[in-house]
Amino acid sequence: MPILLFLIDTSASMNQRSHLGTTYLDTAKGAVETFMKVPTDRARGRVSLAGWKENHATFMNELKNLQAEGLTTLGQSLRTAFDLLNLNRLVTGIDNYGQGRNPFFLEPAIIITITDGSKLTTTSGVQDEVSYVCISLGYAKAFGKC
């Protein structure tokens, strides 16, 4: 059963309006809501708003309360997503601290990122590529960044 993690861009640029008059953030929320209404997909995976551990109703409430403001910090958001996945693997016994991963426990994870594609921004300026600080070699090696 795969873990589904939605990563939604909530930067100020998501307040732009489409030709239909809805904001990009509202369109992203609608996409996640539509995805959640398909019972066969939801039954096969756990769905989480980054860091949220409550039930489906709480998830949907938090989704509706998302506001678009600030910078596009996709790198830090991805880092948080990977940290949450690693923490989940430790809690469920897939990874063992100091002993590695149990190869017979496989729980794939899917990170679905919804963004408007605007430039990546941080407090130090505009970036051309995603950057994040690597701590765990588990996901860092997969991206060749560490």
N, C-alpha and C. Protein backbone atom coordinates (compact mmCIF):
# COMPACT_ATOMS: atom_id res chain seq x y z
N MET A 1 0.84 -1.16 0.00
CA MET A 1 0.00 0.00 0.00
C MET A 1 0.90 1.24 0.00
N PRO A 2 0.91 2.02 -1.05
CA PRO A 2 1.81 3.17 -1.13
C PRO A 2 1.35 4.33 -0.26
N ILE A 3 2.30 5.11 0.18
CA ILE A 3 2.01 6.35 0.89
C ILE A 3 1.88 7.44 -0.15
N LEU A 4 0.80 8.18 -0.11
CA LEU A 4 0.59 9.31 -1.02
C LEU A 4 0.77 10.59 -0.23
N LEU A 5 1.71 11.43 -0.66
CA LEU A 5 1.97 12.68 0.03
C LEU A 5 1.77 13.82 -0.96
N PHE A 6 0.85 14.71 -0.66
CA PHE A 6 0.58 15.85 -1.53
C PHE A 6 1.42 17.03 -1.06
N LEU A 7 2.16 17.62 -1.98
CA LEU A 7 2.98 18.79 -1.71
C LEU A 7 2.42 19.92 -2.57
N ILE A 8 1.72 20.86 -1.94
CA ILE A 8 1.04 21.92 -2.68
C ILE A 8 1.78 23.24 -2.47
N ASP A 9 2.11 23.90 -3.57
CA ASP A 9 2.75 25.21 -3.56
C ASP A 9 1.76 26.21 -2.97
N THR A 10 2.15 26.88 -1.87
CA THR A 10 1.29 27.90 -1.28
C THR A 10 1.95 29.27 -1.32
N SER A 11 2.82 29.47 -2.31
CA SER A 11 3.45 30.78 -2.45
C SER A 11 2.44 31.79 -2.96
N ALA A 12 2.78 33.07 -2.84
CA ALA A 12 1.86 34.14 -3.25
C ALA A 12 1.48 34.05 -4.72
N SER A 13 2.37 33.49 -5.55
CA SER A 13 2.06 33.39 -6.98
C SER A 13 0.89 32.45 -7.26
N MET A 14 0.53 31.62 -6.29
CA MET A 14 -0.62 30.72 -6.46
C MET A 14 -1.95 31.48 -6.33
N ASN A 15 -1.89 32.79 -6.04
CA ASN A 15 -3.09 33.63 -6.01
C ASN A 15 -3.48 34.10 -7.40
N GLN A 16 -2.65 33.81 -8.41
CA GLN A 16 -3.01 34.18 -9.79
C GLN A 16 -4.33 33.50 -10.15
N ARG A 17 -5.05 34.14 -11.04
CA ARG A 17 -6.35 33.58 -11.47
C ARG A 17 -6.23 32.97 -12.86
N SER A 18 -6.91 31.85 -13.03
CA SER A 18 -6.96 31.20 -14.34
C SER A 18 -8.00 31.90 -15.20
N HIS A 19 -8.15 31.46 -16.43
CA HIS A 19 -9.14 32.05 -17.33
C HIS A 19 -10.57 31.80 -16.84
N LEU A 20 -10.73 30.85 -15.92
CA LEU A 20 -12.06 30.56 -15.35
C LEU A 20 -12.37 31.43 -14.13
N GLY A 21 -11.37 32.17 -13.66
CA GLY A 21 -11.57 33.05 -12.51
C GLY A 21 -11.17 32.46 -11.18
N THR A 22 -10.80 31.19 -11.14
CA THR A 22 -10.36 30.57 -9.89
C THR A 22 -8.86 30.75 -9.73
N THR A 23 -8.42 30.83 -8.49
CA THR A 23 -6.98 30.95 -8.26
C THR A 23 -6.31 29.61 -8.52
N TYR A 24 -5.01 29.67 -8.76
CA TYR A 24 -4.27 28.43 -8.97
C TYR A 24 -4.34 27.54 -7.73
N LEU A 25 -4.31 28.17 -6.54
CA LEU A 25 -4.39 27.38 -5.32
C LEU A 25 -5.74 26.68 -5.21
N ASP A 26 -6.82 27.37 -5.57
CA ASP A 26 -8.14 26.73 -5.54
C ASP A 26 -8.21 25.56 -6.52
N THR A 27 -7.55 25.72 -7.67
CA THR A 27 -7.50 24.63 -8.65
C THR A 27 -6.73 23.44 -8.07
N ALA A 28 -5.61 23.73 -7.38
CA ALA A 28 -4.82 22.66 -6.75
C ALA A 28 -5.63 21.95 -5.67
N LYS A 29 -6.33 22.72 -4.86
CA LYS A 29 -7.18 22.13 -3.82
C LYS A 29 -8.26 21.24 -4.44
N GLY A 30 -8.85 21.72 -5.53
CA GLY A 30 -9.87 20.94 -6.22
C GLY A 30 -9.33 19.64 -6.77
N ALA A 31 -8.08 19.69 -7.27
CA ALA A 31 -7.46 18.48 -7.80
C ALA A 31 -7.27 17.44 -6.70
N VAL A 32 -6.80 17.89 -5.53
CA VAL A 32 -6.60 16.96 -4.41
C VAL A 32 -7.95 16.43 -3.92
N GLU A 33 -8.95 17.30 -3.82
CA GLU A 33 -10.28 16.85 -3.39
C GLU A 33 -10.84 15.81 -4.35
N THR A 34 -10.68 16.04 -5.64
CA THR A 34 -11.16 15.08 -6.64
C THR A 34 -10.43 13.75 -6.48
N PHE A 35 -9.12 13.81 -6.29
CA PHE A 35 -8.32 12.61 -6.10
C PHE A 35 -8.79 11.84 -4.87
N MET A 36 -9.12 12.57 -3.81
CA MET A 36 -9.54 11.93 -2.56
C MET A 36 -10.92 11.28 -2.68
N LYS A 37 -11.72 11.74 -3.62
CA LYS A 37 -13.08 11.19 -3.77
C LYS A 37 -13.10 9.87 -4.52
N VAL A 38 -12.00 9.48 -5.14
CA VAL A 38 -11.93 8.21 -5.85
C VAL A 38 -11.63 7.13 -4.82
N PRO A 39 -12.64 6.36 -4.42
CA PRO A 39 -12.45 5.42 -3.30
C PRO A 39 -11.44 4.32 -3.56
N THR A 40 -11.28 3.87 -4.79
CA THR A 40 -10.34 2.78 -5.04
C THR A 40 -8.91 3.24 -4.82
N ASP A 41 -8.59 4.47 -5.19
CA ASP A 41 -7.24 4.97 -4.97
C ASP A 41 -6.98 5.20 -3.48
N ARG A 42 -7.95 5.77 -2.79
CA ARG A 42 -7.77 6.06 -1.38
C ARG A 42 -7.65 4.77 -0.57
N ALA A 43 -8.35 3.73 -0.97
CA ALA A 43 -8.31 2.47 -0.23
C ALA A 43 -6.95 1.80 -0.34
N ARG A 44 -6.22 2.09 -1.41
CA ARG A 44 -4.93 1.44 -1.60
C ARG A 44 -3.78 2.21 -0.96
N GLY A 45 -4.01 3.42 -0.49
CA GLY A 45 -2.91 4.19 0.08
C GLY A 45 -3.36 5.09 1.20
N ARG A 46 -2.41 5.48 2.01
CA ARG A 46 -2.69 6.47 3.04
C ARG A 46 -2.41 7.83 2.43
N VAL A 47 -3.22 8.80 2.76
CA VAL A 47 -3.05 10.14 2.21
C VAL A 47 -2.76 11.09 3.35
N SER A 48 -1.78 11.98 3.15
CA SER A 48 -1.41 12.88 4.23
C SER A 48 -1.07 14.25 3.70
N LEU A 49 -1.54 15.27 4.39
CA LEU A 49 -1.09 16.63 4.15
C LEU A 49 0.16 16.75 5.00
N ALA A 50 1.28 17.12 4.40
CA ALA A 50 2.59 17.05 5.06
C ALA A 50 2.52 17.34 6.55
N GLY A 51 2.80 16.35 7.34
CA GLY A 51 2.81 16.47 8.78
C GLY A 51 1.49 16.18 9.45
N TRP A 52 0.44 15.95 8.70
CA TRP A 52 -0.88 15.74 9.31
C TRP A 52 -1.13 14.27 9.55
N LYS A 53 -1.57 13.92 10.75
CA LYS A 53 -1.74 12.51 11.10
C LYS A 53 -3.18 12.17 11.45
N GLU A 54 -4.09 13.05 11.20
CA GLU A 54 -5.48 12.85 11.61
C GLU A 54 -6.29 12.17 10.53
N ASN A 55 -7.60 12.13 10.72
CA ASN A 55 -8.49 11.42 9.81
C ASN A 55 -8.77 12.20 8.52
N HIS A 56 -9.56 11.60 7.67
CA HIS A 56 -9.87 12.17 6.35
C HIS A 56 -10.56 13.53 6.46
N ALA A 57 -11.50 13.69 7.39
CA ALA A 57 -12.22 14.96 7.54
C ALA A 57 -11.27 16.08 7.96
N THR A 58 -10.35 15.78 8.85
CA THR A 58 -9.37 16.78 9.28
C THR A 58 -8.46 17.14 8.12
N PHE A 59 -8.06 16.15 7.35
CA PHE A 59 -7.23 16.39 6.17
C PHE A 59 -7.93 17.36 5.21
N MET A 60 -9.20 17.09 4.92
CA MET A 60 -9.95 17.93 3.99
C MET A 60 -10.14 19.34 4.55
N ASN A 61 -10.34 19.46 5.85
CA ASN A 61 -10.49 20.77 6.47
C ASN A 61 -9.19 21.57 6.36
N GLU A 62 -8.07 20.93 6.64
CA GLU A 62 -6.77 21.60 6.53
C GLU A 62 -6.48 21.98 5.08
N LEU A 63 -6.86 21.14 4.15
CA LEU A 63 -6.68 21.44 2.73
C LEU A 63 -7.45 22.70 2.36
N LYS A 64 -8.69 22.79 2.80
CA LYS A 64 -9.52 23.96 2.49
C LYS A 64 -8.97 25.23 3.11
N ASN A 65 -8.26 25.12 4.24
CA ASN A 65 -7.73 26.29 4.94
C ASN A 65 -6.38 26.77 4.42
N LEU A 66 -5.79 26.09 3.44
CA LEU A 66 -4.51 26.54 2.89
C LEU A 66 -4.66 27.93 2.29
N GLN A 67 -3.67 28.79 2.54
CA GLN A 67 -3.65 30.14 2.00
C GLN A 67 -2.37 30.34 1.22
N ALA A 68 -2.46 31.08 0.12
CA ALA A 68 -1.28 31.37 -0.70
C ALA A 68 -0.64 32.66 -0.22
N GLU A 69 0.59 32.54 0.26
CA GLU A 69 1.34 33.71 0.72
C GLU A 69 2.82 33.34 0.81
N GLY A 70 3.65 34.33 0.72
CA GLY A 70 5.07 34.12 0.92
C GLY A 70 5.82 33.65 -0.32
N LEU A 71 6.91 32.93 -0.08
CA LEU A 71 7.86 32.52 -1.11
C LEU A 71 7.63 31.09 -1.57
N THR A 72 8.25 30.75 -2.72
CA THR A 72 8.21 29.39 -3.23
C THR A 72 9.43 28.65 -2.68
N THR A 73 9.26 27.95 -1.59
CA THR A 73 10.36 27.24 -0.94
C THR A 73 10.21 25.74 -1.16
N LEU A 74 10.25 25.34 -2.42
CA LEU A 74 10.03 23.94 -2.77
C LEU A 74 11.11 23.03 -2.20
N GLY A 75 12.34 23.50 -2.16
CA GLY A 75 13.43 22.68 -1.63
C GLY A 75 13.20 22.30 -0.18
N GLN A 76 12.87 23.28 0.64
CA GLN A 76 12.60 23.01 2.05
C GLN A 76 11.37 22.12 2.22
N SER A 77 10.37 22.33 1.38
CA SER A 77 9.15 21.51 1.45
C SER A 77 9.44 20.06 1.09
N LEU A 78 10.26 19.85 0.06
CA LEU A 78 10.66 18.48 -0.30
C LEU A 78 11.45 17.83 0.83
N ARG A 79 12.33 18.62 1.43
CA ARG A 79 13.12 18.11 2.56
C ARG A 79 12.19 17.65 3.68
N THR A 80 11.18 18.47 4.00
CA THR A 80 10.22 18.11 5.03
C THR A 80 9.47 16.84 4.64
N ALA A 81 9.09 16.74 3.37
CA ALA A 81 8.38 15.54 2.89
C ALA A 81 9.24 14.29 3.06
N PHE A 82 10.51 14.37 2.66
CA PHE A 82 11.40 13.23 2.81
C PHE A 82 11.63 12.89 4.29
N ASP A 83 11.75 13.92 5.13
CA ASP A 83 11.91 13.68 6.56
C ASP A 83 10.69 12.97 7.14
N LEU A 84 9.49 13.39 6.72
CA LEU A 84 8.27 12.73 7.19
C LEU A 84 8.21 11.28 6.73
N LEU A 85 8.62 11.03 5.48
CA LEU A 85 8.63 9.65 4.98
C LEU A 85 9.63 8.80 5.75
N ASN A 86 10.82 9.37 6.02
CA ASN A 86 11.83 8.63 6.79
C ASN A 86 11.35 8.37 8.21
N LEU A 87 10.69 9.36 8.83
CA LEU A 87 10.15 9.17 10.17
C LEU A 87 9.08 8.09 10.18
N ASN A 88 8.22 8.09 9.17
CA ASN A 88 7.19 7.06 9.06
C ASN A 88 7.82 5.68 8.94
N ARG A 89 8.90 5.58 8.19
CA ARG A 89 9.58 4.29 8.02
C ARG A 89 10.21 3.82 9.33
N LEU A 90 10.71 4.76 10.13
CA LEU A 90 11.25 4.38 11.44
C LEU A 90 10.14 3.91 12.37
N VAL A 91 9.03 4.64 12.39
CA VAL A 91 7.92 4.32 13.29
C VAL A 91 7.28 2.98 12.93
N THR A 92 7.16 2.69 11.64
CA THR A 92 6.51 1.44 11.21
C THR A 92 7.46 0.25 11.18
N GLY A 93 8.74 0.47 11.46
CA GLY A 93 9.69 -0.63 11.51
C GLY A 93 10.31 -1.00 10.18
N ILE A 94 10.06 -0.21 9.14
CA ILE A 94 10.69 -0.49 7.85
C ILE A 94 12.17 -0.16 7.92
N ASP A 95 12.50 0.98 8.54
CA ASP A 95 13.89 1.34 8.79
C ASP A 95 14.18 1.14 10.27
N ASN A 96 15.37 0.70 10.58
CA ASN A 96 15.80 0.52 11.96
C ASN A 96 17.03 1.38 12.19
N TYR A 97 16.95 2.25 13.17
CA TYR A 97 18.06 3.14 13.46
C TYR A 97 19.33 2.34 13.75
N GLY A 98 20.36 2.62 13.00
CA GLY A 98 21.63 1.93 13.18
C GLY A 98 21.72 0.57 12.53
N GLN A 99 20.60 0.05 12.00
CA GLN A 99 20.60 -1.27 11.39
C GLN A 99 20.17 -1.26 9.93
N GLY A 100 19.67 -0.14 9.45
CA GLY A 100 19.27 -0.06 8.05
C GLY A 100 17.83 -0.44 7.80
N ARG A 101 17.53 -0.72 6.57
CA ARG A 101 16.16 -1.01 6.13
C ARG A 101 15.93 -2.51 6.04
N ASN A 102 14.75 -2.93 6.46
CA ASN A 102 14.34 -4.32 6.29
C ASN A 102 13.89 -4.50 4.84
N PRO A 103 14.63 -5.24 4.04
CA PRO A 103 14.29 -5.35 2.62
C PRO A 103 12.97 -6.05 2.34
N PHE A 104 12.48 -6.84 3.27
CA PHE A 104 11.22 -7.55 3.04
C PHE A 104 10.01 -6.67 3.36
N PHE A 105 10.23 -5.49 3.98
CA PHE A 105 9.16 -4.51 4.18
C PHE A 105 9.32 -3.43 3.13
N LEU A 106 8.47 -3.45 2.15
CA LEU A 106 8.54 -2.44 1.10
C LEU A 106 7.27 -1.62 1.13
N GLU A 107 7.40 -0.32 1.31
CA GLU A 107 6.25 0.57 1.31
C GLU A 107 6.59 1.75 0.41
N PRO A 108 6.20 1.67 -0.87
CA PRO A 108 6.53 2.76 -1.79
C PRO A 108 5.82 4.05 -1.40
N ALA A 109 6.45 5.16 -1.74
CA ALA A 109 5.87 6.47 -1.45
C ALA A 109 5.79 7.27 -2.74
N ILE A 110 4.71 8.02 -2.87
CA ILE A 110 4.50 8.87 -4.03
C ILE A 110 4.29 10.29 -3.53
N ILE A 111 5.15 11.20 -3.97
CA ILE A 111 4.99 12.62 -3.62
C ILE A 111 4.40 13.30 -4.84
N ILE A 112 3.19 13.82 -4.70
CA ILE A 112 2.52 14.51 -5.79
C ILE A 112 2.67 16.00 -5.53
N THR A 113 3.43 16.68 -6.37
CA THR A 113 3.69 18.10 -6.21
C THR A 113 2.82 18.89 -7.16
N ILE A 114 2.09 19.86 -6.63
CA ILE A 114 1.23 20.72 -7.44
C ILE A 114 1.73 22.15 -7.27
N THR A 115 2.17 22.76 -8.36
CA THR A 115 2.73 24.10 -8.33
C THR A 115 2.36 24.84 -9.61
N ASP A 116 2.52 26.16 -9.57
CA ASP A 116 2.26 26.95 -10.77
C ASP A 116 3.50 27.04 -11.66
N GLY A 117 4.62 26.54 -11.19
CA GLY A 117 5.83 26.53 -11.99
C GLY A 117 6.60 27.84 -11.98
N SER A 118 6.24 28.77 -11.11
CA SER A 118 6.95 30.04 -11.03
C SER A 118 8.35 29.81 -10.49
N LYS A 119 9.17 30.83 -10.61
CA LYS A 119 10.55 30.75 -10.13
C LYS A 119 10.59 30.36 -8.66
N LEU A 120 11.61 29.63 -8.28
CA LEU A 120 11.81 29.24 -6.89
C LEU A 120 12.41 30.43 -6.16
N THR A 121 11.82 30.82 -5.04
CA THR A 121 12.30 31.99 -4.31
C THR A 121 12.63 31.60 -2.87
N THR A 122 13.64 32.26 -2.36
CA THR A 122 14.01 32.11 -0.95
C THR A 122 14.29 33.50 -0.41
N THR A 123 14.61 33.58 0.86
CA THR A 123 14.92 34.88 1.45
C THR A 123 16.19 35.48 0.85
N SER A 124 17.02 34.65 0.22
CA SER A 124 18.26 35.15 -0.39
C SER A 124 18.10 35.45 -1.88
N GLY A 125 16.91 35.27 -2.44
CA GLY A 125 16.68 35.62 -3.84
C GLY A 125 16.05 34.50 -4.65
N VAL A 126 16.09 34.67 -5.97
CA VAL A 126 15.50 33.72 -6.90
C VAL A 126 16.50 32.62 -7.22
N GLN A 127 16.04 31.36 -7.29
CA GLN A 127 16.91 30.23 -7.60
C GLN A 127 16.48 29.58 -8.90
N ASP A 128 17.44 28.98 -9.60
CA ASP A 128 17.14 28.28 -10.83
C ASP A 128 16.88 26.79 -10.61
N GLU A 129 17.31 26.26 -9.48
CA GLU A 129 17.10 24.84 -9.20
C GLU A 129 16.78 24.63 -7.73
N VAL A 130 16.19 23.50 -7.45
CA VAL A 130 15.82 23.15 -6.08
C VAL A 130 17.08 22.81 -5.31
N SER A 131 17.19 23.34 -4.10
CA SER A 131 18.33 22.98 -3.25
C SER A 131 17.81 22.71 -1.84
N TYR A 132 18.45 21.77 -1.16
CA TYR A 132 18.10 21.44 0.21
C TYR A 132 19.32 20.85 0.87
N VAL A 133 19.36 20.90 2.18
CA VAL A 133 20.47 20.37 2.95
C VAL A 133 20.23 18.89 3.19
N CYS A 134 21.23 18.08 2.87
CA CYS A 134 21.09 16.62 3.03
C CYS A 134 21.63 16.20 4.39
N ILE A 135 20.83 15.43 5.08
CA ILE A 135 21.28 14.87 6.35
C ILE A 135 21.32 13.35 6.25
N SER A 136 20.25 12.77 5.75
CA SER A 136 20.15 11.32 5.64
C SER A 136 20.60 10.89 4.25
N LEU A 137 21.46 9.91 4.18
CA LEU A 137 21.93 9.43 2.88
C LEU A 137 20.88 8.60 2.16
N GLY A 138 19.82 8.20 2.86
CA GLY A 138 18.78 7.38 2.24
C GLY A 138 18.16 8.03 1.02
N TYR A 139 17.76 9.28 1.12
CA TYR A 139 17.14 9.94 -0.02
C TYR A 139 18.11 10.83 -0.76
N ALA A 140 19.20 11.23 -0.11
CA ALA A 140 20.15 12.12 -0.75
C ALA A 140 20.87 11.43 -1.91
N LYS A 141 21.23 10.17 -1.73
CA LYS A 141 21.92 9.45 -2.79
C LYS A 141 21.04 9.27 -4.01
N ALA A 142 19.74 9.14 -3.79
CA ALA A 142 18.82 8.93 -4.91
C ALA A 142 18.83 10.12 -5.86
N PHE A 143 19.10 11.31 -5.34
CA PHE A 143 19.10 12.50 -6.17
C PHE A 143 20.51 12.96 -6.52
N GLY A 144 21.52 12.27 -6.03
CA GLY A 144 22.89 12.60 -6.37
C GLY A 144 23.33 13.96 -5.85
N LYS A 145 22.73 14.44 -4.78
CA LYS A 145 23.04 15.76 -4.26
C LYS A 145 24.07 15.72 -3.14
N CYS A 146 24.31 14.58 -2.53
CA CYS A 146 25.26 14.51 -1.41
C CYS A 146 26.34 13.49 -1.70
